[in-house]
């Protein structure tokens, strides 16, 4: 897996061993950042980081700070190795479940909260909680979701919905 744009463009990322993560394709990752536009100086929360590809892409494209959370040990090890290999100082990797992290970080808010949960274990109440607690006013929650299903209501206004066949990106804006 490679970083597709920005200051780290072309750099290889180590992937976690095992099968618990489903990395976002380059096509969808590119589409996500095309819709987001200039992210220079913004803060990100990648709540189900997996390989961390989105978090690293955000850093490469100028994000000020990124918090990447995943409960899988292999994912955490791969992300920490990548942080060291790429000499990144503005990314914090956390091994925790998104719900537990949220309960212990009630005051943390971000410009962009990425929600790319396992499609087979979608917990809408958790997604709603993450969007409600952690998206700054004027910020976005972005949900990566199965393509053929109606997007859930997360209590925020849907600003855009981009469908790519098997998956879709739903952009929710906090007023």
C-alpha atoms as a PDB file:
ATOM      1  CA  UNK A   1       0.000   0.000   0.000  1.00  0.00           C
ATOM      2  CA  UNK A   2       1.300   3.462  -0.937  1.00  0.00           C
ATOM      3  CA  UNK A   3       0.548   7.030   0.034  1.00  0.00           C
ATOM      4  CA  UNK A   4      -1.042   8.541  -3.066  1.00  0.00           C
ATOM      5  CA  UNK A   5      -0.393  12.301  -2.702  1.00  0.00           C
ATOM      6  CA  UNK A   6       1.278  15.012  -0.665  1.00  0.00           C
ATOM      7  CA  UNK A   7       4.701  15.260   0.929  1.00  0.00           C
ATOM      8  CA  UNK A   8       4.937  11.482   1.456  1.00  0.00           C
ATOM      9  CA  UNK A   9       3.589  10.548  -2.004  1.00  0.00           C
ATOM     10  CA  UNK A  10       4.772   7.138  -3.175  1.00  0.00           C
ATOM     11  CA  UNK A  11       6.030   6.009   0.225  1.00  0.00           C
ATOM     12  CA  UNK A  12       5.187   2.391   1.047  1.00  0.00           C
ATOM     13  CA  UNK A  13       3.181   1.540   4.157  1.00  0.00           C
ATOM     14  CA  UNK A  14       3.499  -1.671   6.121  1.00  0.00           C
ATOM     15  CA  UNK A  15       0.167  -3.441   6.433  1.00  0.00           C
ATOM     16  CA  UNK A  16      -1.040  -5.288   9.511  1.00  0.00           C
ATOM     17  CA  UNK A  17      -0.768  -9.070   9.488  1.00  0.00           C
ATOM     18  CA  UNK A  18      -4.050 -10.933   9.573  1.00  0.00           C
ATOM     19  CA  UNK A  19      -7.411 -10.332   7.993  1.00  0.00           C
ATOM     20  CA  UNK A  20      -9.247  -8.066  10.433  1.00  0.00           C
ATOM     21  CA  UNK A  21      -8.787  -4.859   8.451  1.00  0.00           C
ATOM     22  CA  UNK A  22     -10.301  -3.938   5.080  1.00  0.00           C
ATOM     23  CA  UNK A  23      -8.095  -1.199   3.644  1.00  0.00           C
ATOM     24  CA  UNK A  24      -9.868   1.494   1.686  1.00  0.00           C
ATOM     25  CA  UNK A  25      -8.960   1.227  -1.991  1.00  0.00           C
ATOM     26  CA  UNK A  26      -6.723   3.856  -3.591  1.00  0.00           C
ATOM     27  CA  UNK A  27      -9.709   4.934  -5.700  1.00  0.00           C
ATOM     28  CA  UNK A  28     -11.947   5.595  -2.684  1.00  0.00           C
ATOM     29  CA  UNK A  29      -9.077   7.138  -0.693  1.00  0.00           C
ATOM     30  CA  UNK A  30      -8.353   9.506  -3.586  1.00  0.00           C
ATOM     31  CA  UNK A  31     -12.036  10.355  -3.917  1.00  0.00           C
ATOM     32  CA  UNK A  32     -12.264  11.084  -0.180  1.00  0.00           C
ATOM     33  CA  UNK A  33      -9.440  13.608  -0.309  1.00  0.00           C
ATOM     34  CA  UNK A  34     -10.713  15.121  -3.573  1.00  0.00           C
ATOM     35  CA  UNK A  35     -14.004  15.925  -1.849  1.00  0.00           C
ATOM     36  CA  UNK A  36     -12.248  17.208   1.293  1.00  0.00           C
ATOM     37  CA  UNK A  37      -9.979  19.478  -0.739  1.00  0.00           C
ATOM     38  CA  UNK A  38      -7.268  21.417   1.085  1.00  0.00           C
ATOM     39  CA  UNK A  39      -6.815  19.933   4.556  1.00  0.00           C
ATOM     40  CA  UNK A  40      -3.700  21.915   5.487  1.00  0.00           C
ATOM     41  CA  UNK A  41      -3.721  22.583   9.237  1.00  0.00           C
ATOM     42  CA  UNK A  42      -6.821  20.502  10.024  1.00  0.00           C
ATOM     43  CA  UNK A  43      -7.117  17.869  12.743  1.00  0.00           C
ATOM     44  CA  UNK A  44      -8.271  14.283  12.050  1.00  0.00           C
ATOM     45  CA  UNK A  45      -9.639  11.409  14.058  1.00  0.00           C
ATOM     46  CA  UNK A  46      -9.472   8.051  12.274  1.00  0.00           C
ATOM     47  CA  UNK A  47     -11.724   6.072  14.610  1.00  0.00           C
ATOM     48  CA  UNK A  48     -11.341   2.634  12.972  1.00  0.00           C
ATOM     49  CA  UNK A  49      -7.870   3.122  11.515  1.00  0.00           C
ATOM     50  CA  UNK A  50      -6.951  -0.432  10.521  1.00  0.00           C
ATOM     51  CA  UNK A  51      -3.797  -0.051   8.451  1.00  0.00           C
ATOM     52  CA  UNK A  52      -3.770   3.706   9.078  1.00  0.00           C
ATOM     53  CA  UNK A  53      -3.716   4.460   5.337  1.00  0.00           C
ATOM     54  CA  UNK A  54      -6.188   7.350   5.692  1.00  0.00           C
ATOM     55  CA  UNK A  55      -4.338   8.774   8.694  1.00  0.00           C
ATOM     56  CA  UNK A  56      -1.010   8.692   6.841  1.00  0.00           C
ATOM     57  CA  UNK A  57      -2.613  10.167   3.743  1.00  0.00           C
ATOM     58  CA  UNK A  58      -3.994  13.021   5.880  1.00  0.00           C
ATOM     59  CA  UNK A  59      -0.536  13.685   7.359  1.00  0.00           C
ATOM     60  CA  UNK A  60       1.001  13.615   3.882  1.00  0.00           C
ATOM     61  CA  UNK A  61      -1.538  16.174   2.663  1.00  0.00           C
ATOM     62  CA  UNK A  62      -0.861  18.635   5.476  1.00  0.00           C
ATOM     63  CA  UNK A  63      -3.092  17.704   8.416  1.00  0.00           C
ATOM     64  CA  UNK A  64      -1.882  19.370  11.595  1.00  0.00           C
ATOM     65  CA  UNK A  65      -2.504  16.374  13.862  1.00  0.00           C
ATOM     66  CA  UNK A  66      -4.065  12.925  13.484  1.00  0.00           C
ATOM     67  CA  UNK A  67      -5.286  10.459  16.098  1.00  0.00           C
ATOM     68  CA  UNK A  68      -5.560   6.912  14.710  1.00  0.00           C
ATOM     69  CA  UNK A  69      -7.472   4.364  16.804  1.00  0.00           C
ATOM     70  CA  UNK A  70      -7.791   0.632  16.301  1.00  0.00           C
ATOM     71  CA  UNK A  71      -8.311  -2.213  18.741  1.00  0.00           C
ATOM     72  CA  UNK A  72      -6.283  -4.748  16.754  1.00  0.00           C
ATOM     73  CA  UNK A  73      -2.735  -5.269  18.040  1.00  0.00           C
ATOM     74  CA  UNK A  74      -1.358  -6.062  14.567  1.00  0.00           C
ATOM     75  CA  UNK A  75      -2.851  -2.840  13.203  1.00  0.00           C
ATOM     76  CA  UNK A  76      -1.305  -0.851  16.036  1.00  0.00           C
ATOM     77  CA  UNK A  77       2.130  -2.399  15.503  1.00  0.00           C
ATOM     78  CA  UNK A  78       2.017  -1.688  11.746  1.00  0.00           C
ATOM     79  CA  UNK A  79       0.940   1.924  12.301  1.00  0.00           C
ATOM     80  CA  UNK A  80       3.651   2.533  14.918  1.00  0.00           C
ATOM     81  CA  UNK A  81       6.272   1.032  12.582  1.00  0.00           C
ATOM     82  CA  UNK A  82       5.054   3.323   9.785  1.00  0.00           C
ATOM     83  CA  UNK A  83       5.145   6.389  12.066  1.00  0.00           C
ATOM     84  CA  UNK A  84       8.785   5.570  12.898  1.00  0.00           C
ATOM     85  CA  UNK A  85       9.781   4.718   9.311  1.00  0.00           C
ATOM     86  CA  UNK A  86       8.216   7.920   7.957  1.00  0.00           C
ATOM     87  CA  UNK A  87       9.513  10.033  10.864  1.00  0.00           C
ATOM     88  CA  UNK A  88       6.072  11.445  11.670  1.00  0.00           C
ATOM     89  CA  UNK A  89       5.688  13.481  14.844  1.00  0.00           C
ATOM     90  CA  UNK A  90       2.099  14.689  14.544  1.00  0.00           C
ATOM     91  CA  UNK A  91       0.257  11.358  14.608  1.00  0.00           C
ATOM     92  CA  UNK A  92      -0.876   9.596  17.756  1.00  0.00           C
ATOM     93  CA  UNK A  93      -1.611   5.861  17.444  1.00  0.00           C
ATOM     94  CA  UNK A  94      -3.980   4.405  20.042  1.00  0.00           C
ATOM     95  CA  UNK A  95      -4.824   0.750  20.632  1.00  0.00           C
ATOM     96  CA  UNK A  96      -8.370   0.848  21.923  1.00  0.00           C
ATOM     97  CA  UNK A  97     -11.929   0.369  20.864  1.00  0.00           C
ATOM     98  CA  UNK A  98     -13.480   3.553  19.493  1.00  0.00           C
ATOM     99  CA  UNK A  99     -16.174   3.531  22.172  1.00  0.00           C
ATOM    100  CA  UNK A 100     -13.715   3.177  25.070  1.00  0.00           C
ATOM    101  CA  UNK A 101     -11.448   5.870  23.604  1.00  0.00           C
ATOM    102  CA  UNK A 102     -14.421   8.205  23.225  1.00  0.00           C
ATOM    103  CA  UNK A 103     -15.547   7.669  26.828  1.00  0.00           C
ATOM    104  CA  UNK A 104     -12.053   8.621  28.038  1.00  0.00           C
ATOM    105  CA  UNK A 105     -11.654  11.623  25.704  1.00  0.00           C
ATOM    106  CA  UNK A 106     -14.986  13.427  25.906  1.00  0.00           C
ATOM    107  CA  UNK A 107     -13.410  16.845  25.315  1.00  0.00           C
ATOM    108  CA  UNK A 108     -11.389  15.969  22.168  1.00  0.00           C
ATOM    109  CA  UNK A 109     -12.799  17.458  18.972  1.00  0.00           C
ATOM    110  CA  UNK A 110     -11.521  17.336  15.398  1.00  0.00           C
ATOM    111  CA  UNK A 111     -12.123  19.078  12.097  1.00  0.00           C
ATOM    112  CA  UNK A 112     -12.644  15.709  10.383  1.00  0.00           C
ATOM    113  CA  UNK A 113     -13.718  12.425  11.962  1.00  0.00           C
ATOM    114  CA  UNK A 114     -13.323   9.431   9.674  1.00  0.00           C
ATOM    115  CA  UNK A 115     -15.631   6.505  10.401  1.00  0.00           C
ATOM    116  CA  UNK A 116     -14.660   3.368   8.461  1.00  0.00           C
ATOM    117  CA  UNK A 117     -16.040   0.615  10.718  1.00  0.00           C
ATOM    118  CA  UNK A 118     -16.187  -3.076   9.859  1.00  0.00           C
ATOM    119  CA  UNK A 119     -19.156  -3.443   7.505  1.00  0.00           C
ATOM    120  CA  UNK A 120     -20.210  -6.667   9.231  1.00  0.00           C
ATOM    121  CA  UNK A 121     -20.442  -5.040  12.672  1.00  0.00           C
ATOM    122  CA  UNK A 122     -21.947  -1.619  12.057  1.00  0.00           C
ATOM    123  CA  UNK A 123     -22.909  -0.014  15.363  1.00  0.00           C
ATOM    124  CA  UNK A 124     -24.940   3.034  14.387  1.00  0.00           C
ATOM    125  CA  UNK A 125     -25.243   4.197  17.997  1.00  0.00           C
ATOM    126  CA  UNK A 126     -21.430   4.234  18.304  1.00  0.00           C
ATOM    127  CA  UNK A 127     -21.044   6.114  15.010  1.00  0.00           C
ATOM    128  CA  UNK A 128     -23.621   8.655  16.191  1.00  0.00           C
ATOM    129  CA  UNK A 129     -21.788   9.065  19.514  1.00  0.00           C
ATOM    130  CA  UNK A 130     -18.430   9.596  17.788  1.00  0.00           C
ATOM    131  CA  UNK A 131     -19.892  12.167  15.386  1.00  0.00           C
ATOM    132  CA  UNK A 132     -21.761  13.988  18.157  1.00  0.00           C
ATOM    133  CA  UNK A 133     -18.849  14.170  20.596  1.00  0.00           C
ATOM    134  CA  UNK A 134     -15.815  14.575  18.413  1.00  0.00           C
ATOM    135  CA  UNK A 135     -16.728  16.711  15.359  1.00  0.00           C
ATOM    136  CA  UNK A 136     -15.955  20.407  15.877  1.00  0.00           C
ATOM    137  CA  UNK A 137     -18.597  22.982  14.919  1.00  0.00           C
ATOM    138  CA  UNK A 138     -18.323  23.369  11.146  1.00  0.00           C
ATOM    139  CA  UNK A 139     -16.428  20.061  10.938  1.00  0.00           C
ATOM    140  CA  UNK A 140     -17.190  16.853   9.097  1.00  0.00           C
ATOM    141  CA  UNK A 141     -17.800  13.226   9.948  1.00  0.00           C
ATOM    142  CA  UNK A 142     -17.097  11.011   6.952  1.00  0.00           C
ATOM    143  CA  UNK A 143     -18.607   7.536   6.921  1.00  0.00           C
ATOM    144  CA  UNK A 144     -17.244   4.827   4.634  1.00  0.00           C
ATOM    145  CA  UNK A 145     -20.180   2.516   4.186  1.00  0.00           C
ATOM    146  CA  UNK A 146     -21.485  -0.374   2.075  1.00  0.00           C
ATOM    147  CA  UNK A 147     -22.635   0.953  -1.291  1.00  0.00           C
ATOM    148  CA  UNK A 148     -26.101  -0.486  -1.621  1.00  0.00           C
ATOM    149  CA  UNK A 149     -27.481   0.493   1.793  1.00  0.00           C
ATOM    150  CA  UNK A 150     -29.260   3.698   2.835  1.00  0.00           C
ATOM    151  CA  UNK A 151     -26.868   5.781   4.987  1.00  0.00           C
ATOM    152  CA  UNK A 152     -27.663   5.992   8.696  1.00  0.00           C
ATOM    153  CA  UNK A 153     -28.792   9.186  10.404  1.00  0.00           C
ATOM    154  CA  UNK A 154     -25.939  10.337  12.632  1.00  0.00           C
ATOM    155  CA  UNK A 155     -27.716  13.445  13.870  1.00  0.00           C
ATOM    156  CA  UNK A 156     -25.757  15.738  11.525  1.00  0.00           C
ATOM    157  CA  UNK A 157     -26.682  17.201   8.148  1.00  0.00           C
ATOM    158  CA  UNK A 158     -25.621  15.103   5.142  1.00  0.00           C
ATOM    159  CA  UNK A 159     -23.481  17.461   3.067  1.00  0.00           C
ATOM    160  CA  UNK A 160     -22.608  14.951   0.313  1.00  0.00           C
ATOM    161  CA  UNK A 161     -23.028  11.284  -0.540  1.00  0.00           C
ATOM    162  CA  UNK A 162     -20.654   9.778  -3.096  1.00  0.00           C
ATOM    163  CA  UNK A 163     -21.427   6.244  -4.279  1.00  0.00           C
ATOM    164  CA  UNK A 164     -18.703   4.048  -5.801  1.00  0.00           C
ATOM    165  CA  UNK A 165     -20.600   0.796  -6.402  1.00  0.00           C
ATOM    166  CA  UNK A 166     -19.619  -1.487  -3.521  1.00  0.00           C
ATOM    167  CA  UNK A 167     -18.952   1.402  -1.166  1.00  0.00           C
ATOM    168  CA  UNK A 168     -19.987   4.965  -0.532  1.00  0.00           C
ATOM    169  CA  UNK A 169     -18.678   7.967   1.348  1.00  0.00           C
ATOM    170  CA  UNK A 170     -21.200  10.007   3.305  1.00  0.00           C
ATOM    171  CA  UNK A 171     -20.082  13.466   4.463  1.00  0.00           C
ATOM    172  CA  UNK A 172     -21.963  14.750   7.520  1.00  0.00           C
ATOM    173  CA  UNK A 173     -21.495  18.400   8.566  1.00  0.00           C
ATOM    174  CA  UNK A 174     -21.912  19.809  12.061  1.00  0.00           C
ATOM    175  CA  UNK A 175     -23.592  23.209  11.978  1.00  0.00           C
END
